[in-house]
N, C-alpha and C. Protein backbone atom coordinates (compact mmCIF):
# COMPACT_ATOMS: atom_id res chain seq x y z
N UNK A 1 0.82 -1.21 0.00
CA UNK A 1 0.00 0.00 0.00
C UNK A 1 0.86 1.27 0.00
N UNK A 2 1.94 1.25 0.77
CA UNK A 2 2.85 2.39 0.83
C UNK A 2 4.26 1.92 0.52
N UNK A 3 5.02 2.76 -0.15
CA UNK A 3 6.42 2.40 -0.36
C UNK A 3 7.22 2.80 0.87
N UNK A 4 8.53 2.54 0.84
CA UNK A 4 9.35 2.74 2.03
C UNK A 4 9.38 4.21 2.46
N UNK A 5 9.47 5.12 1.51
CA UNK A 5 9.51 6.55 1.86
C UNK A 5 8.21 6.99 2.51
N UNK A 6 7.09 6.53 2.00
CA UNK A 6 5.81 6.91 2.57
C UNK A 6 5.64 6.34 3.98
N UNK A 7 6.14 5.13 4.20
CA UNK A 7 6.08 4.57 5.55
C UNK A 7 6.91 5.40 6.52
N UNK A 8 8.06 5.88 6.05
CA UNK A 8 8.90 6.74 6.90
C UNK A 8 8.20 8.06 7.19
N UNK A 9 7.56 8.67 6.19
CA UNK A 9 6.83 9.92 6.40
C UNK A 9 5.72 9.73 7.43
N UNK A 10 5.00 8.62 7.31
CA UNK A 10 3.91 8.35 8.25
C UNK A 10 4.45 8.16 9.66
N UNK A 11 5.56 7.44 9.79
CA UNK A 11 6.15 7.21 11.12
C UNK A 11 6.61 8.53 11.73
N UNK A 12 7.20 9.41 10.94
CA UNK A 12 7.65 10.71 11.46
C UNK A 12 6.46 11.57 11.88
N UNK A 13 5.39 11.56 11.09
CA UNK A 13 4.20 12.34 11.43
C UNK A 13 3.58 11.85 12.73
N UNK A 14 3.43 10.53 12.86
CA UNK A 14 2.83 9.98 14.07
C UNK A 14 3.73 10.20 15.28
N UNK A 15 5.05 10.12 15.08
CA UNK A 15 5.97 10.38 16.19
C UNK A 15 5.82 11.80 16.71
N UNK A 16 5.73 12.75 15.78
CA UNK A 16 5.53 14.14 16.19
C UNK A 16 4.21 14.33 16.90
N UNK A 17 3.18 13.67 16.40
CA UNK A 17 1.87 13.79 17.03
C UNK A 17 1.86 13.17 18.43
N UNK A 18 2.53 12.04 18.58
CA UNK A 18 2.60 11.38 19.89
C UNK A 18 3.30 12.28 20.90
N UNK A 19 4.37 12.92 20.48
CA UNK A 19 5.14 13.78 21.38
C UNK A 19 4.33 15.00 21.80
N UNK A 20 3.48 15.52 20.92
CA UNK A 20 2.74 16.75 21.20
C UNK A 20 1.37 16.50 21.81
N UNK A 21 0.97 15.23 21.98
CA UNK A 21 -0.36 14.91 22.49
C UNK A 21 -0.26 14.37 23.90
N UNK A 22 -1.13 14.82 24.76
CA UNK A 22 -1.16 14.37 26.16
C UNK A 22 -2.40 13.54 26.46
N UNK A 23 -2.78 12.70 25.51
CA UNK A 23 -3.95 11.84 25.68
C UNK A 23 -3.50 10.40 25.91
N UNK A 24 -3.82 9.85 27.06
CA UNK A 24 -3.48 8.46 27.35
C UNK A 24 -4.26 7.51 26.46
N UNK A 25 -5.52 7.81 26.20
CA UNK A 25 -6.33 6.95 25.33
C UNK A 25 -5.74 6.88 23.93
N UNK A 26 -5.29 8.00 23.42
CA UNK A 26 -4.67 8.04 22.09
C UNK A 26 -3.43 7.16 22.04
N UNK A 27 -2.58 7.25 23.07
CA UNK A 27 -1.37 6.44 23.10
C UNK A 27 -1.69 4.95 23.19
N UNK A 28 -2.70 4.59 23.99
CA UNK A 28 -3.04 3.18 24.14
C UNK A 28 -3.61 2.60 22.85
N UNK A 29 -4.42 3.38 22.14
CA UNK A 29 -4.97 2.89 20.86
C UNK A 29 -3.85 2.67 19.85
N UNK A 30 -2.93 3.63 19.77
CA UNK A 30 -1.80 3.46 18.86
C UNK A 30 -0.93 2.28 19.26
N UNK A 31 -0.75 2.07 20.57
CA UNK A 31 0.06 0.94 21.03
C UNK A 31 -0.57 -0.38 20.62
N UNK A 32 -1.88 -0.49 20.77
CA UNK A 32 -2.57 -1.71 20.35
C UNK A 32 -2.43 -1.93 18.85
N UNK A 33 -2.57 -0.88 18.08
CA UNK A 33 -2.49 -1.00 16.62
C UNK A 33 -1.10 -1.43 16.17
N UNK A 34 -0.07 -0.74 16.64
CA UNK A 34 1.29 -1.06 16.18
C UNK A 34 1.79 -2.36 16.80
N UNK A 35 1.33 -2.67 17.99
CA UNK A 35 1.66 -3.97 18.57
C UNK A 35 1.10 -5.10 17.72
N UNK A 36 -0.14 -4.92 17.25
CA UNK A 36 -0.75 -5.93 16.38
C UNK A 36 -0.04 -6.01 15.03
N UNK A 37 0.37 -4.86 14.50
CA UNK A 37 1.08 -4.85 13.22
C UNK A 37 2.44 -5.53 13.32
N UNK A 38 3.13 -5.33 14.44
CA UNK A 38 4.42 -5.99 14.64
C UNK A 38 4.23 -7.51 14.74
N UNK A 39 3.21 -7.94 15.47
CA UNK A 39 2.94 -9.38 15.57
C UNK A 39 2.54 -9.94 14.22
N UNK A 40 1.80 -9.16 13.43
CA UNK A 40 1.37 -9.60 12.10
C UNK A 40 2.56 -9.86 11.18
N UNK A 41 3.68 -9.19 11.42
CA UNK A 41 4.88 -9.43 10.61
C UNK A 41 5.50 -10.78 10.88
N UNK A 42 4.98 -11.50 11.89
CA UNK A 42 5.45 -12.85 12.24
C UNK A 42 6.94 -12.86 12.57
N UNK A 43 7.34 -11.89 13.39
CA UNK A 43 8.73 -11.87 13.83
C UNK A 43 8.92 -12.91 14.93
N UNK A 44 10.17 -13.21 15.22
CA UNK A 44 10.47 -14.18 16.27
C UNK A 44 10.00 -13.65 17.63
N UNK A 45 9.50 -14.54 18.48
CA UNK A 45 9.01 -14.12 19.78
C UNK A 45 10.13 -13.56 20.65
N UNK A 46 11.34 -14.06 20.43
CA UNK A 46 12.49 -13.52 21.18
C UNK A 46 12.71 -12.06 20.83
N UNK A 47 12.59 -11.74 19.56
CA UNK A 47 12.75 -10.35 19.13
C UNK A 47 11.60 -9.49 19.64
N UNK A 48 10.40 -10.04 19.61
CA UNK A 48 9.24 -9.30 20.13
C UNK A 48 9.40 -9.01 21.62
N UNK A 49 9.87 -10.01 22.34
CA UNK A 49 10.10 -9.80 23.77
C UNK A 49 11.19 -8.79 24.04
N UNK A 50 12.18 -8.71 23.14
CA UNK A 50 13.26 -7.74 23.31
C UNK A 50 12.72 -6.32 23.26
N UNK A 51 11.72 -6.07 22.41
CA UNK A 51 11.14 -4.73 22.35
C UNK A 51 10.55 -4.32 23.69
N UNK A 52 9.87 -5.26 24.34
CA UNK A 52 9.30 -4.94 25.65
C UNK A 52 10.38 -4.76 26.70
N UNK A 53 11.45 -5.57 26.63
CA UNK A 53 12.54 -5.41 27.59
C UNK A 53 13.22 -4.06 27.43
N UNK A 54 13.40 -3.64 26.17
CA UNK A 54 14.00 -2.33 25.91
C UNK A 54 13.12 -1.21 26.46
N UNK A 55 11.81 -1.41 26.42
CA UNK A 55 10.88 -0.36 26.84
C UNK A 55 10.72 -0.26 28.35
N UNK A 56 11.10 -1.30 29.08
CA UNK A 56 10.81 -1.34 30.52
C UNK A 56 11.49 -0.19 31.26
N UNK A 57 12.80 -0.08 31.12
CA UNK A 57 13.55 0.90 31.92
C UNK A 57 13.16 2.35 31.60
N UNK A 58 13.18 2.78 30.31
CA UNK A 58 12.82 4.18 30.05
C UNK A 58 11.37 4.51 30.38
N UNK A 59 10.45 3.56 30.12
CA UNK A 59 9.04 3.83 30.42
C UNK A 59 8.81 3.88 31.93
N UNK A 60 9.43 2.97 32.66
CA UNK A 60 9.30 2.96 34.12
C UNK A 60 9.89 4.22 34.72
N UNK A 61 11.06 4.62 34.21
CA UNK A 61 11.68 5.84 34.70
C UNK A 61 10.87 7.09 34.38
N UNK A 62 10.28 7.13 33.19
CA UNK A 62 9.45 8.28 32.81
C UNK A 62 8.23 8.39 33.70
N UNK A 63 7.60 7.25 33.99
CA UNK A 63 6.40 7.29 34.83
C UNK A 63 6.71 7.83 36.21
N UNK A 64 7.73 7.27 36.87
CA UNK A 64 8.00 7.67 38.25
C UNK A 64 8.55 9.09 38.36
N UNK A 65 9.32 9.51 37.37
CA UNK A 65 9.84 10.87 37.44
C UNK A 65 8.73 11.91 37.36
N UNK A 66 7.74 11.67 36.48
CA UNK A 66 6.64 12.63 36.37
C UNK A 66 5.61 12.43 37.50
N UNK A 67 5.45 11.19 37.96
CA UNK A 67 4.51 10.94 39.04
C UNK A 67 4.98 11.57 40.35
N UNK A 68 6.29 11.56 40.57
CA UNK A 68 6.82 12.08 41.82
C UNK A 68 7.11 13.58 41.79
N UNK A 69 7.49 14.09 40.61
CA UNK A 69 8.00 15.46 40.59
C UNK A 69 7.21 16.41 39.70
N UNK A 70 6.18 15.94 39.00
CA UNK A 70 5.40 16.84 38.16
C UNK A 70 4.50 17.72 39.03
N UNK A 71 4.04 18.82 38.47
CA UNK A 71 3.16 19.73 39.19
C UNK A 71 1.72 19.23 39.15
N UNK A 72 0.94 19.63 40.13
CA UNK A 72 -0.47 19.25 40.17
C UNK A 72 -0.77 18.28 41.29
N UNK A 73 -2.05 17.91 41.40
CA UNK A 73 -2.45 16.98 42.45
C UNK A 73 -2.10 15.55 42.04
N UNK A 74 -2.51 14.59 42.88
CA UNK A 74 -2.15 13.19 42.66
C UNK A 74 -2.72 12.67 41.35
N UNK A 75 -3.99 12.99 41.05
CA UNK A 75 -4.62 12.50 39.82
C UNK A 75 -3.91 13.06 38.59
N UNK A 76 -3.55 14.32 38.63
CA UNK A 76 -2.88 14.94 37.49
C UNK A 76 -1.48 14.33 37.28
N UNK A 77 -0.76 14.12 38.37
CA UNK A 77 0.58 13.54 38.27
C UNK A 77 0.52 12.10 37.79
N UNK A 78 -0.51 11.36 38.21
CA UNK A 78 -0.69 9.99 37.76
C UNK A 78 -0.98 9.94 36.26
N UNK A 79 -1.85 10.84 35.81
CA UNK A 79 -2.17 10.90 34.39
C UNK A 79 -0.94 11.28 33.56
N UNK A 80 -0.19 12.26 34.03
CA UNK A 80 1.01 12.68 33.30
C UNK A 80 2.03 11.56 33.24
N UNK A 81 2.21 10.84 34.35
CA UNK A 81 3.15 9.73 34.36
C UNK A 81 2.75 8.62 33.41
N UNK A 82 1.46 8.29 33.37
CA UNK A 82 0.99 7.24 32.46
C UNK A 82 1.11 7.67 31.01
N UNK A 83 0.86 8.95 30.73
CA UNK A 83 1.02 9.45 29.36
C UNK A 83 2.47 9.33 28.91
N UNK A 84 3.38 9.74 29.77
CA UNK A 84 4.80 9.67 29.40
C UNK A 84 5.27 8.23 29.27
N UNK A 85 4.79 7.36 30.14
CA UNK A 85 5.17 5.95 30.07
C UNK A 85 4.67 5.32 28.78
N UNK A 86 3.39 5.53 28.47
CA UNK A 86 2.83 4.96 27.25
C UNK A 86 3.45 5.57 26.01
N UNK A 87 3.85 6.84 26.09
CA UNK A 87 4.48 7.51 24.95
C UNK A 87 5.78 6.82 24.55
N UNK A 88 6.58 6.46 25.54
CA UNK A 88 7.85 5.77 25.25
C UNK A 88 7.60 4.42 24.58
N UNK A 89 6.65 3.66 25.10
CA UNK A 89 6.37 2.33 24.55
C UNK A 89 5.82 2.44 23.13
N UNK A 90 4.93 3.40 22.90
CA UNK A 90 4.36 3.57 21.56
C UNK A 90 5.45 3.91 20.56
N UNK A 91 6.36 4.80 20.92
CA UNK A 91 7.43 5.19 20.01
C UNK A 91 8.33 4.01 19.68
N UNK A 92 8.57 3.14 20.66
CA UNK A 92 9.40 1.96 20.41
C UNK A 92 8.71 1.02 19.42
N UNK A 93 7.41 0.79 19.59
CA UNK A 93 6.71 -0.12 18.69
C UNK A 93 6.43 0.53 17.34
N UNK A 94 6.34 1.84 17.30
CA UNK A 94 6.25 2.53 16.01
C UNK A 94 7.54 2.31 15.22
N UNK A 95 8.68 2.44 15.90
CA UNK A 95 9.95 2.15 15.24
C UNK A 95 10.07 0.69 14.85
N UNK A 96 9.56 -0.22 15.69
CA UNK A 96 9.61 -1.65 15.36
C UNK A 96 8.77 -1.95 14.12
N UNK A 97 7.62 -1.29 14.01
CA UNK A 97 6.80 -1.47 12.80
C UNK A 97 7.54 -1.01 11.55
N UNK A 98 8.22 0.11 11.65
CA UNK A 98 8.96 0.63 10.49
C UNK A 98 10.14 -0.27 10.15
N UNK A 99 10.88 -0.71 11.15
CA UNK A 99 12.09 -1.51 10.91
C UNK A 99 11.73 -2.88 10.36
N UNK A 100 10.71 -3.52 10.92
CA UNK A 100 10.36 -4.87 10.48
C UNK A 100 9.60 -4.88 9.16
N UNK A 101 9.05 -3.76 8.77
CA UNK A 101 8.31 -3.73 7.51
C UNK A 101 9.08 -3.16 6.35
N UNK A 102 10.29 -2.64 6.61
CA UNK A 102 11.07 -1.98 5.56
C UNK A 102 12.53 -2.36 5.70
N UNK A 103 13.13 -2.84 4.64
CA UNK A 103 14.56 -3.13 4.66
C UNK A 103 15.35 -1.83 4.52
N UNK A 104 16.49 -1.78 5.21
CA UNK A 104 17.28 -0.56 5.23
C UNK A 104 17.72 -0.16 3.82
N UNK A 105 18.16 -1.13 3.02
CA UNK A 105 18.62 -0.82 1.67
C UNK A 105 17.49 -0.29 0.80
N UNK A 106 16.31 -0.89 0.95
CA UNK A 106 15.15 -0.44 0.18
C UNK A 106 14.76 0.98 0.58
N UNK A 107 14.79 1.28 1.87
CA UNK A 107 14.45 2.62 2.35
C UNK A 107 15.42 3.66 1.80
N UNK A 108 16.70 3.36 1.83
CA UNK A 108 17.70 4.31 1.34
C UNK A 108 17.55 4.54 -0.16
N UNK A 109 17.34 3.48 -0.92
CA UNK A 109 17.17 3.63 -2.36
C UNK A 109 15.87 4.36 -2.69
N UNK A 110 14.83 4.12 -1.89
CA UNK A 110 13.57 4.82 -2.10
C UNK A 110 13.73 6.32 -1.83
N UNK A 111 14.44 6.67 -0.77
CA UNK A 111 14.68 8.08 -0.48
C UNK A 111 15.55 8.73 -1.56
N UNK A 112 16.49 7.97 -2.08
CA UNK A 112 17.33 8.50 -3.15
C UNK A 112 16.51 8.83 -4.39
N UNK A 113 15.59 7.94 -4.75
CA UNK A 113 14.80 8.13 -5.97
C UNK A 113 13.69 9.16 -5.77
N UNK A 114 13.07 9.16 -4.62
CA UNK A 114 11.91 10.03 -4.41
C UNK A 114 12.28 11.42 -3.91
N UNK A 115 13.33 11.53 -3.10
CA UNK A 115 13.74 12.82 -2.55
C UNK A 115 15.02 13.33 -3.19
N UNK A 116 15.59 12.55 -4.10
CA UNK A 116 16.80 12.94 -4.84
C UNK A 116 17.95 13.28 -3.90
N UNK A 117 18.15 12.40 -2.92
CA UNK A 117 19.29 12.57 -2.03
C UNK A 117 20.59 12.29 -2.77
N UNK A 118 21.69 12.73 -2.21
CA UNK A 118 22.99 12.57 -2.84
C UNK A 118 23.33 11.10 -3.02
N UNK A 119 23.80 10.76 -4.22
CA UNK A 119 24.22 9.38 -4.48
C UNK A 119 25.37 8.98 -3.57
N UNK A 120 26.28 9.91 -3.32
CA UNK A 120 27.43 9.61 -2.47
C UNK A 120 26.98 9.27 -1.06
N UNK A 121 26.01 10.03 -0.53
CA UNK A 121 25.49 9.76 0.81
C UNK A 121 24.79 8.40 0.86
N UNK A 122 23.96 8.11 -0.13
CA UNK A 122 23.22 6.86 -0.12
C UNK A 122 24.15 5.66 -0.25
N UNK A 123 25.09 5.72 -1.19
CA UNK A 123 26.01 4.60 -1.36
C UNK A 123 26.93 4.45 -0.16
N UNK A 124 27.26 5.55 0.48
CA UNK A 124 28.05 5.47 1.70
C UNK A 124 27.30 4.77 2.82
N UNK A 125 26.00 5.10 2.97
CA UNK A 125 25.18 4.43 3.97
C UNK A 125 25.01 2.95 3.67
N UNK A 126 24.81 2.62 2.40
CA UNK A 126 24.67 1.21 2.01
C UNK A 126 25.96 0.45 2.30
N UNK A 127 27.09 1.09 2.01
CA UNK A 127 28.37 0.44 2.30
C UNK A 127 28.55 0.21 3.79
N UNK A 128 28.15 1.20 4.60
CA UNK A 128 28.26 1.06 6.05
C UNK A 128 27.39 -0.09 6.56
N UNK A 129 26.18 -0.21 6.02
CA UNK A 129 25.30 -1.30 6.44
C UNK A 129 25.87 -2.66 6.06
N UNK A 130 26.48 -2.73 4.87
CA UNK A 130 27.06 -4.00 4.44
C UNK A 130 28.33 -4.35 5.21
N UNK A 131 29.00 -3.33 5.75
CA UNK A 131 30.22 -3.58 6.52
C UNK A 131 29.95 -3.97 7.97
N UNK A 132 28.73 -3.74 8.46
CA UNK A 132 28.44 -4.01 9.86
C UNK A 132 28.74 -5.46 10.26
N UNK A 133 28.30 -6.49 9.49
CA UNK A 133 28.65 -7.86 9.88
C UNK A 133 30.16 -8.11 9.89
N UNK A 134 30.89 -7.42 9.01
CA UNK A 134 32.33 -7.62 8.94
C UNK A 134 33.03 -7.02 10.15
N UNK A 135 32.44 -6.00 10.75
CA UNK A 135 33.04 -5.40 11.94
C UNK A 135 33.07 -6.40 13.10
N UNK A 136 32.00 -7.16 13.26
CA UNK A 136 31.96 -8.16 14.33
C UNK A 136 33.06 -9.19 14.13
N UNK A 137 33.21 -9.64 12.89
CA UNK A 137 34.27 -10.59 12.61
C UNK A 137 35.65 -9.97 12.79
N UNK A 138 35.78 -8.68 12.44
CA UNK A 138 37.06 -7.99 12.60
C UNK A 138 37.45 -7.89 14.08
N UNK A 139 36.48 -7.60 14.95
CA UNK A 139 36.76 -7.55 16.38
C UNK A 139 37.27 -8.90 16.89
N UNK A 140 36.61 -9.96 16.44
CA UNK A 140 37.02 -11.29 16.88
C UNK A 140 38.42 -11.63 16.38
N UNK A 141 38.73 -11.24 15.15
CA UNK A 141 40.07 -11.51 14.61
C UNK A 141 41.14 -10.72 15.36
N UNK A 142 40.84 -9.46 15.69
CA UNK A 142 41.80 -8.64 16.42
C UNK A 142 42.05 -9.22 17.81
N UNK A 143 40.98 -9.64 18.48
CA UNK A 143 41.14 -10.23 19.81
C UNK A 143 41.93 -11.52 19.75
N UNK A 144 41.65 -12.35 18.73
CA UNK A 144 42.38 -13.62 18.59
C UNK A 144 43.86 -13.37 18.31
N UNK A 145 44.15 -12.39 17.43
CA UNK A 145 45.55 -12.08 17.12
C UNK A 145 46.28 -11.53 18.34
N UNK A 146 45.59 -10.75 19.16
CA UNK A 146 46.22 -10.21 20.37
C UNK A 146 46.49 -11.32 21.39
N UNK A 147 45.58 -12.26 21.51
CA UNK A 147 45.79 -13.36 22.46
C UNK A 147 46.97 -14.24 22.05
N UNK A 148 47.22 -14.35 20.74
CA UNK A 148 48.38 -15.13 20.28
C UNK A 148 49.68 -14.46 20.70
N UNK A 149 49.64 -13.15 20.94
CA UNK A 149 50.83 -12.43 21.41
C UNK A 149 50.81 -12.26 22.93
N UNK A 150 49.87 -12.91 23.58
CA UNK A 150 49.79 -12.86 25.04
C UNK A 150 49.09 -11.65 25.59
N UNK A 151 48.34 -10.93 24.75
CA UNK A 151 47.62 -9.74 25.18
C UNK A 151 46.12 -9.98 25.02
N UNK A 152 45.37 -9.70 26.06
CA UNK A 152 43.92 -9.88 26.01
C UNK A 152 43.24 -8.52 25.89
N UNK A 153 42.51 -8.34 24.82
CA UNK A 153 41.79 -7.08 24.60
C UNK A 153 40.32 -7.27 24.95
N UNK A 154 39.83 -6.44 25.90
CA UNK A 154 38.43 -6.49 26.29
C UNK A 154 37.63 -5.51 25.45
N UNK A 155 36.31 -5.64 25.49
CA UNK A 155 35.44 -4.80 24.66
C UNK A 155 35.50 -3.33 25.08
N UNK A 156 35.89 -3.05 26.30
CA UNK A 156 35.91 -1.68 26.78
C UNK A 156 37.26 -0.99 26.60
N UNK A 157 38.24 -1.68 26.04
CA UNK A 157 39.56 -1.09 25.87
C UNK A 157 39.67 -0.32 24.56
N UNK A 158 40.17 0.92 24.59
CA UNK A 158 40.25 1.73 23.36
C UNK A 158 41.15 1.12 22.29
N UNK A 159 42.14 0.32 22.69
CA UNK A 159 43.05 -0.28 21.71
C UNK A 159 42.30 -1.13 20.70
N UNK A 160 41.30 -1.85 21.16
CA UNK A 160 40.51 -2.70 20.26
C UNK A 160 39.83 -1.87 19.19
N UNK A 161 39.24 -0.75 19.58
CA UNK A 161 38.53 0.09 18.63
C UNK A 161 39.49 0.88 17.73
N UNK A 162 40.66 1.20 18.25
CA UNK A 162 41.65 1.88 17.41
C UNK A 162 42.12 0.96 16.28
N UNK A 163 42.37 -0.30 16.60
CA UNK A 163 42.78 -1.26 15.57
C UNK A 163 41.65 -1.48 14.56
N UNK A 164 40.40 -1.53 15.06
CA UNK A 164 39.26 -1.71 14.15
C UNK A 164 39.08 -0.48 13.26
N UNK A 165 39.37 0.71 13.80
CA UNK A 165 39.26 1.93 13.01
C UNK A 165 40.27 1.93 11.87
N UNK A 166 41.48 1.48 12.15
CA UNK A 166 42.50 1.39 11.09
C UNK A 166 42.05 0.45 9.99
N UNK A 167 41.46 -0.67 10.37
CA UNK A 167 40.97 -1.62 9.37
C UNK A 167 39.81 -1.02 8.58
N UNK A 168 38.95 -0.24 9.25
CA UNK A 168 37.83 0.40 8.56
C UNK A 168 38.32 1.41 7.53
N UNK A 169 39.41 2.13 7.86
CA UNK A 169 39.99 3.08 6.90
C UNK A 169 40.50 2.34 5.67
N UNK A 170 41.10 1.19 5.87
CA UNK A 170 41.57 0.40 4.74
C UNK A 170 40.40 -0.07 3.88
N UNK A 171 39.30 -0.47 4.54
CA UNK A 171 38.11 -0.87 3.79
C UNK A 171 37.55 0.30 2.99
N UNK A 172 37.53 1.49 3.57
CA UNK A 172 36.99 2.66 2.87
C UNK A 172 37.81 2.98 1.63
N UNK A 173 39.12 2.84 1.73
CA UNK A 173 39.96 3.09 0.57
C UNK A 173 39.69 2.05 -0.53
N UNK A 174 39.52 0.81 -0.14
CA UNK A 174 39.22 -0.24 -1.11
C UNK A 174 37.86 0.00 -1.76
N UNK A 175 36.90 0.46 -0.95
CA UNK A 175 35.56 0.74 -1.49
C UNK A 175 35.60 1.90 -2.47
N UNK A 176 36.35 2.95 -2.15
CA UNK A 176 36.47 4.10 -3.05
C UNK A 176 37.10 3.69 -4.38
N UNK A 177 38.13 2.85 -4.32
CA UNK A 177 38.77 2.38 -5.55
C UNK A 177 37.80 1.52 -6.37
N UNK A 178 37.00 0.69 -5.69
CA UNK A 178 36.05 -0.16 -6.40
C UNK A 178 34.97 0.67 -7.08
N UNK A 179 34.45 1.70 -6.40
CA UNK A 179 33.43 2.56 -6.98
C UNK A 179 33.98 3.34 -8.17
N UNK A 180 35.22 3.79 -8.06
CA UNK A 180 35.85 4.50 -9.18
C UNK A 180 36.04 3.57 -10.37
N UNK A 181 36.43 2.33 -10.07
CA UNK A 181 36.63 1.35 -11.14
C UNK A 181 35.33 1.01 -11.86
N UNK A 182 34.20 1.13 -11.14
CA UNK A 182 32.90 0.85 -11.76
C UNK A 182 32.27 2.10 -12.37
N UNK A 183 33.03 3.19 -12.47
CA UNK A 183 32.54 4.37 -13.16
C UNK A 183 31.70 5.30 -12.34
N UNK A 184 31.76 5.22 -10.99
CA UNK A 184 30.97 6.13 -10.16
C UNK A 184 31.58 7.51 -10.18
N UNK A 185 30.74 8.52 -10.41
CA UNK A 185 31.17 9.90 -10.40
C UNK A 185 30.17 10.74 -9.61
N UNK A 186 30.69 11.64 -8.82
CA UNK A 186 29.83 12.52 -8.01
C UNK A 186 29.01 13.42 -8.92
N UNK A 187 27.68 13.44 -8.71
CA UNK A 187 26.78 14.28 -9.47
C UNK A 187 26.34 13.70 -10.80
N UNK A 188 26.91 12.58 -11.22
CA UNK A 188 26.52 11.98 -12.50
C UNK A 188 25.16 11.30 -12.37
N UNK A 189 24.40 11.29 -13.44
CA UNK A 189 23.10 10.65 -13.44
C UNK A 189 23.28 9.14 -13.50
N UNK A 190 22.54 8.43 -12.66
CA UNK A 190 22.70 6.99 -12.58
C UNK A 190 21.35 6.33 -12.77
N UNK A 191 21.39 5.16 -13.37
CA UNK A 191 20.18 4.36 -13.53
C UNK A 191 19.97 3.50 -12.28
N UNK A 192 18.78 2.97 -12.13
CA UNK A 192 18.45 2.15 -10.97
C UNK A 192 18.00 0.77 -11.42
N UNK A 193 18.50 -0.24 -10.74
CA UNK A 193 18.11 -1.61 -11.07
C UNK A 193 16.64 -1.85 -10.77
N UNK A 194 16.16 -1.25 -9.67
CA UNK A 194 14.76 -1.40 -9.28
C UNK A 194 14.21 -0.05 -8.87
N UNK A 195 13.01 0.25 -9.32
CA UNK A 195 12.38 1.52 -9.03
C UNK A 195 11.45 1.40 -7.82
N UNK A 196 11.42 2.46 -7.00
CA UNK A 196 10.53 2.51 -5.83
C UNK A 196 9.72 3.80 -5.89
N UNK A 197 8.78 3.91 -6.81
CA UNK A 197 8.02 5.17 -6.95
C UNK A 197 6.99 5.32 -5.83
N UNK A 198 6.57 6.57 -5.62
CA UNK A 198 5.47 6.82 -4.69
C UNK A 198 4.21 6.13 -5.20
N UNK A 199 3.44 5.58 -4.28
CA UNK A 199 2.17 4.95 -4.64
C UNK A 199 1.03 5.91 -4.30
N UNK A 200 0.14 6.10 -5.27
CA UNK A 200 -0.97 7.03 -5.05
C UNK A 200 -1.84 6.57 -3.88
N UNK A 201 -2.09 5.27 -3.80
CA UNK A 201 -2.92 4.77 -2.70
C UNK A 201 -2.23 4.97 -1.36
N UNK A 202 -0.88 5.03 -1.37
CA UNK A 202 -0.15 5.29 -0.14
C UNK A 202 -0.45 6.66 0.43
N UNK A 203 -0.57 7.66 -0.44
CA UNK A 203 -0.92 9.01 0.03
C UNK A 203 -2.34 9.04 0.59
N UNK A 204 -3.24 8.27 -0.02
CA UNK A 204 -4.60 8.20 0.52
C UNK A 204 -4.59 7.60 1.94
N UNK A 205 -3.80 6.55 2.13
CA UNK A 205 -3.72 5.94 3.45
C UNK A 205 -3.09 6.90 4.46
N UNK A 206 -2.07 7.62 4.06
CA UNK A 206 -1.43 8.59 4.96
C UNK A 206 -2.43 9.67 5.37
N UNK A 207 -3.20 10.18 4.40
CA UNK A 207 -4.19 11.21 4.69
C UNK A 207 -5.27 10.67 5.62
N UNK A 208 -5.72 9.44 5.37
CA UNK A 208 -6.76 8.84 6.21
C UNK A 208 -6.26 8.63 7.63
N UNK A 209 -5.07 8.08 7.76
CA UNK A 209 -4.52 7.83 9.09
C UNK A 209 -4.26 9.14 9.81
N UNK A 210 -3.81 10.15 9.08
CA UNK A 210 -3.55 11.45 9.70
C UNK A 210 -4.85 12.06 10.24
N UNK A 211 -5.92 11.99 9.45
CA UNK A 211 -7.20 12.55 9.90
C UNK A 211 -7.72 11.81 11.12
N UNK A 212 -7.66 10.47 11.09
CA UNK A 212 -8.16 9.67 12.22
C UNK A 212 -7.32 9.91 13.46
N UNK A 213 -5.99 9.96 13.28
CA UNK A 213 -5.12 10.15 14.44
C UNK A 213 -5.30 11.54 15.06
N UNK A 214 -5.47 12.56 14.25
CA UNK A 214 -5.70 13.89 14.78
C UNK A 214 -7.02 13.94 15.55
N UNK A 215 -8.05 13.26 15.02
CA UNK A 215 -9.32 13.21 15.73
C UNK A 215 -9.18 12.46 17.06
N UNK A 216 -8.40 11.36 17.07
CA UNK A 216 -8.23 10.61 18.30
C UNK A 216 -7.42 11.37 19.35
N UNK A 217 -6.57 12.29 18.89
CA UNK A 217 -5.75 13.02 19.83
C UNK A 217 -6.57 13.93 20.74
N UNK A 218 -7.84 14.17 20.37
CA UNK A 218 -8.71 15.01 21.18
C UNK A 218 -9.56 14.18 22.16
N UNK A 219 -9.22 12.89 22.30
CA UNK A 219 -9.95 12.08 23.29
C UNK A 219 -9.75 12.66 24.68
N UNK A 220 -10.79 12.60 25.53
CA UNK A 220 -10.77 13.34 26.80
C UNK A 220 -9.70 12.90 27.79
N UNK A 221 -9.32 11.62 27.76
CA UNK A 221 -8.38 11.16 28.82
C UNK A 221 -7.15 10.56 28.17
């Protein structure tokens, strides 16, 4: 129904609305909707549980900080604390809906085609995403090489990250040479293997959801 760029626009609009709205009912309705959408994606239950674990500490802290120190009587402070707590959880599941429904590479290419972002920026981001799995392996190789010399590098030691940074610089140089060899030029017009155009029905859905969400934001509690 919506392409990746439109899903991002909708997520940003709803995030702004959530932050500016002090309706607990509105937050709970959105939480139920996005919670159902995340489950509908049939993600692993371990990953689903991780979202709730991530939400526990910031939501719990938000509730008690506003409940104990906000202005007003007990009922007002309780309402404010619940609004802030639910706001954190909703934002987490809104992000989970976006992440699980859109691949990072597809989103970047969609933004490049629809918003005409810089090719250099987009290809740099794609390269960084593709290098992420290699960084984990690089850390393990550096630690193994250090242990062979009788030195143990822990995850919190700067030496480990300094060695990984040097390797990343070498990768960046190799990537730049490879892009030059394939004819990449800054500002040159490039073709796309796959197109991600805006969908007309996607704008209709965005408008409908925006109207409904704005109406729900005026719920009394």
